[in-house]
Amino acid sequence: MNTTATIFEAVMIFCWGVSWPVAVLKTLRTKNVDGVSIFFLWFVFWGYVSGICFKVSEYFGDGFLNPVIALYLFNFIFVGTELVLFYRYRQRS
């Protein structure tokens, strides 16, 4: 495991993921998904799935589960929640 690369990856995933709880709270509060790109959400969702799969495959390769996977899972959950909210509230927009 390259510690420097892991730190940079963790910072990147953390910074990218800060916006997701805010987006979910805004959608819950307003019940409005105007301006939300469903294509963008799906691309990001599958990007997090890919990152999680990569971290799991690393585990099978070296027996160490990189803690960065927690950040991927956190973001995956929030993007998934935003997707569910999009489909729930799209008729209202």
C-alpha atoms as a PDB file:
ATOM      1  CA  MET A   1       0.000   0.000   0.000  1.00  0.00           C
ATOM      2  CA  ASN A   2       1.346   3.416  -0.973  1.00  0.00           C
ATOM      3  CA  THR A   3       0.567   5.635   2.024  1.00  0.00           C
ATOM      4  CA  THR A   4       1.019   8.913   0.156  1.00  0.00           C
ATOM      5  CA  ALA A   5      -1.300   7.819  -2.645  1.00  0.00           C
ATOM      6  CA  THR A   6      -3.875   6.670  -0.086  1.00  0.00           C
ATOM      7  CA  ILE A   7      -3.779  10.032   1.693  1.00  0.00           C
ATOM      8  CA  PHE A   8      -4.250  11.937  -1.568  1.00  0.00           C
ATOM      9  CA  GLU A   9      -7.055   9.587  -2.610  1.00  0.00           C
ATOM     10  CA  ALA A  10      -8.781  10.011   0.757  1.00  0.00           C
ATOM     11  CA  VAL A  11      -8.575  13.811   0.544  1.00  0.00           C
ATOM     12  CA  MET A  12      -9.946  13.753  -3.009  1.00  0.00           C
ATOM     13  CA  ILE A  13     -12.858  11.461  -2.108  1.00  0.00           C
ATOM     14  CA  PHE A  14     -13.586  13.454   1.049  1.00  0.00           C
ATOM     15  CA  CYS A  15     -13.602  16.793  -0.785  1.00  0.00           C
ATOM     16  CA  TRP A  16     -15.754  15.431  -3.570  1.00  0.00           C
ATOM     17  CA  GLY A  17     -18.124  13.859  -1.054  1.00  0.00           C
ATOM     18  CA  VAL A  18     -18.714  16.919   1.130  1.00  0.00           C
ATOM     19  CA  SER A  19     -21.339  18.167  -1.295  1.00  0.00           C
ATOM     20  CA  TRP A  20     -23.523  15.043  -1.285  1.00  0.00           C
ATOM     21  CA  PRO A  21     -25.070  15.401   2.196  1.00  0.00           C
ATOM     22  CA  VAL A  22     -25.777  19.059   1.390  1.00  0.00           C
ATOM     23  CA  ALA A  23     -27.461  18.088  -1.894  1.00  0.00           C
ATOM     24  CA  VAL A  24     -29.574  15.424  -0.190  1.00  0.00           C
ATOM     25  CA  LEU A  25     -30.666  17.825   2.561  1.00  0.00           C
ATOM     26  CA  LYS A  26     -31.587  20.475  -0.024  1.00  0.00           C
ATOM     27  CA  THR A  27     -33.650  17.966  -2.005  1.00  0.00           C
ATOM     28  CA  LEU A  28     -35.394  16.743   1.148  1.00  0.00           C
ATOM     29  CA  ARG A  29     -36.114  20.302   2.262  1.00  0.00           C
ATOM     30  CA  THR A  30     -37.386  21.633  -1.074  1.00  0.00           C
ATOM     31  CA  LYS A  31     -38.739  18.396  -2.575  1.00  0.00           C
ATOM     32  CA  ASN A  32     -37.566  19.843  -5.883  1.00  0.00           C
ATOM     33  CA  VAL A  33     -35.051  18.327  -8.311  1.00  0.00           C
ATOM     34  CA  ASP A  34     -34.998  21.088 -10.923  1.00  0.00           C
ATOM     35  CA  GLY A  35     -31.485  21.426 -12.279  1.00  0.00           C
ATOM     36  CA  VAL A  36     -30.364  17.995 -11.105  1.00  0.00           C
ATOM     37  CA  SER A  37     -28.726  15.985 -13.869  1.00  0.00           C
ATOM     38  CA  ILE A  38     -29.805  12.368 -13.659  1.00  0.00           C
ATOM     39  CA  PHE A  39     -27.049  11.388 -16.089  1.00  0.00           C
ATOM     40  CA  PHE A  40     -24.430  13.003 -13.866  1.00  0.00           C
ATOM     41  CA  LEU A  41     -25.813  11.236 -10.785  1.00  0.00           C
ATOM     42  CA  TRP A  42     -25.702   7.851 -12.523  1.00  0.00           C
ATOM     43  CA  PHE A  43     -22.137   8.400 -13.784  1.00  0.00           C
ATOM     44  CA  VAL A  44     -20.961   9.378 -10.307  1.00  0.00           C
ATOM     45  CA  PHE A  45     -22.886   6.466  -8.754  1.00  0.00           C
ATOM     46  CA  TRP A  46     -21.170   3.945 -11.037  1.00  0.00           C
ATOM     47  CA  GLY A  47     -17.844   5.667 -10.423  1.00  0.00           C
ATOM     48  CA  TYR A  48     -18.218   5.000  -6.703  1.00  0.00           C
ATOM     49  CA  VAL A  49     -19.265   1.405  -7.409  1.00  0.00           C
ATOM     50  CA  SER A  50     -16.080   1.046  -9.452  1.00  0.00           C
ATOM     51  CA  GLY A  51     -13.959   2.534  -6.665  1.00  0.00           C
ATOM     52  CA  ILE A  52     -15.503   0.183  -4.099  1.00  0.00           C
ATOM     53  CA  CYS A  53     -14.911  -2.815  -6.370  1.00  0.00           C
ATOM     54  CA  PHE A  54     -11.292  -1.747  -6.831  1.00  0.00           C
ATOM     55  CA  LYS A  55     -10.716  -1.452  -3.076  1.00  0.00           C
ATOM     56  CA  VAL A  56     -12.303  -4.865  -2.496  1.00  0.00           C
ATOM     57  CA  SER A  57     -10.155  -6.397  -5.252  1.00  0.00           C
ATOM     58  CA  GLU A  58      -7.059  -4.909  -3.589  1.00  0.00           C
ATOM     59  CA  TYR A  59      -8.099  -6.663  -0.391  1.00  0.00           C
ATOM     60  CA  PHE A  60      -8.122 -10.017  -2.145  1.00  0.00           C
ATOM     61  CA  GLY A  61      -4.707  -9.220  -3.612  1.00  0.00           C
ATOM     62  CA  ASP A  62      -2.853  -8.146  -0.476  1.00  0.00           C
ATOM     63  CA  GLY A  63      -5.157  -9.030   2.419  1.00  0.00           C
ATOM     64  CA  PHE A  64      -5.452  -5.399   3.575  1.00  0.00           C
ATOM     65  CA  LEU A  65      -8.743  -3.545   3.337  1.00  0.00           C
ATOM     66  CA  ASN A  66      -7.859   0.079   2.665  1.00  0.00           C
ATOM     67  CA  PRO A  67      -9.835   2.371   5.006  1.00  0.00           C
ATOM     68  CA  VAL A  68     -10.509   4.730   2.070  1.00  0.00           C
ATOM     69  CA  ILE A  69     -13.284   2.304   1.168  1.00  0.00           C
ATOM     70  CA  ALA A  70     -15.325   3.908   3.966  1.00  0.00           C
ATOM     71  CA  LEU A  71     -15.274   7.222   2.092  1.00  0.00           C
ATOM     72  CA  TYR A  72     -16.333   5.516  -1.120  1.00  0.00           C
ATOM     73  CA  LEU A  73     -19.202   3.825   0.741  1.00  0.00           C
ATOM     74  CA  PHE A  74     -20.262   7.090   2.405  1.00  0.00           C
ATOM     75  CA  ASN A  75     -20.415   8.874  -0.948  1.00  0.00           C
ATOM     76  CA  PHE A  76     -22.085   5.883  -2.627  1.00  0.00           C
ATOM     77  CA  ILE A  77     -24.866   5.941  -0.028  1.00  0.00           C
ATOM     78  CA  PHE A  78     -25.494   9.668  -0.444  1.00  0.00           C
ATOM     79  CA  VAL A  79     -25.449   9.566  -4.243  1.00  0.00           C
ATOM     80  CA  GLY A  80     -27.796   6.584  -4.098  1.00  0.00           C
ATOM     81  CA  THR A  81     -30.080   8.534  -1.784  1.00  0.00           C
ATOM     82  CA  GLU A  82     -30.035  11.497  -4.176  1.00  0.00           C
ATOM     83  CA  LEU A  83     -30.969   9.135  -7.026  1.00  0.00           C
ATOM     84  CA  VAL A  84     -33.932   7.785  -5.050  1.00  0.00           C
ATOM     85  CA  LEU A  85     -35.048  11.312  -4.201  1.00  0.00           C
ATOM     86  CA  PHE A  86     -34.712  12.368  -7.833  1.00  0.00           C
ATOM     87  CA  TYR A  87     -37.093   9.643  -8.972  1.00  0.00           C
ATOM     88  CA  ARG A  88     -39.450  10.343  -6.099  1.00  0.00           C
ATOM     89  CA  TYR A  89     -39.664  14.108  -6.657  1.00  0.00           C
ATOM     90  CA  ARG A  90     -39.207  14.409 -10.421  1.00  0.00           C
ATOM     91  CA  GLN A  91     -42.952  14.623 -11.048  1.00  0.00           C
ATOM     92  CA  ARG A  92     -43.190  17.663  -8.786  1.00  0.00           C
ATOM     93  CA  SER A  93     -40.561  19.628 -10.688  1.00  0.00           C
END
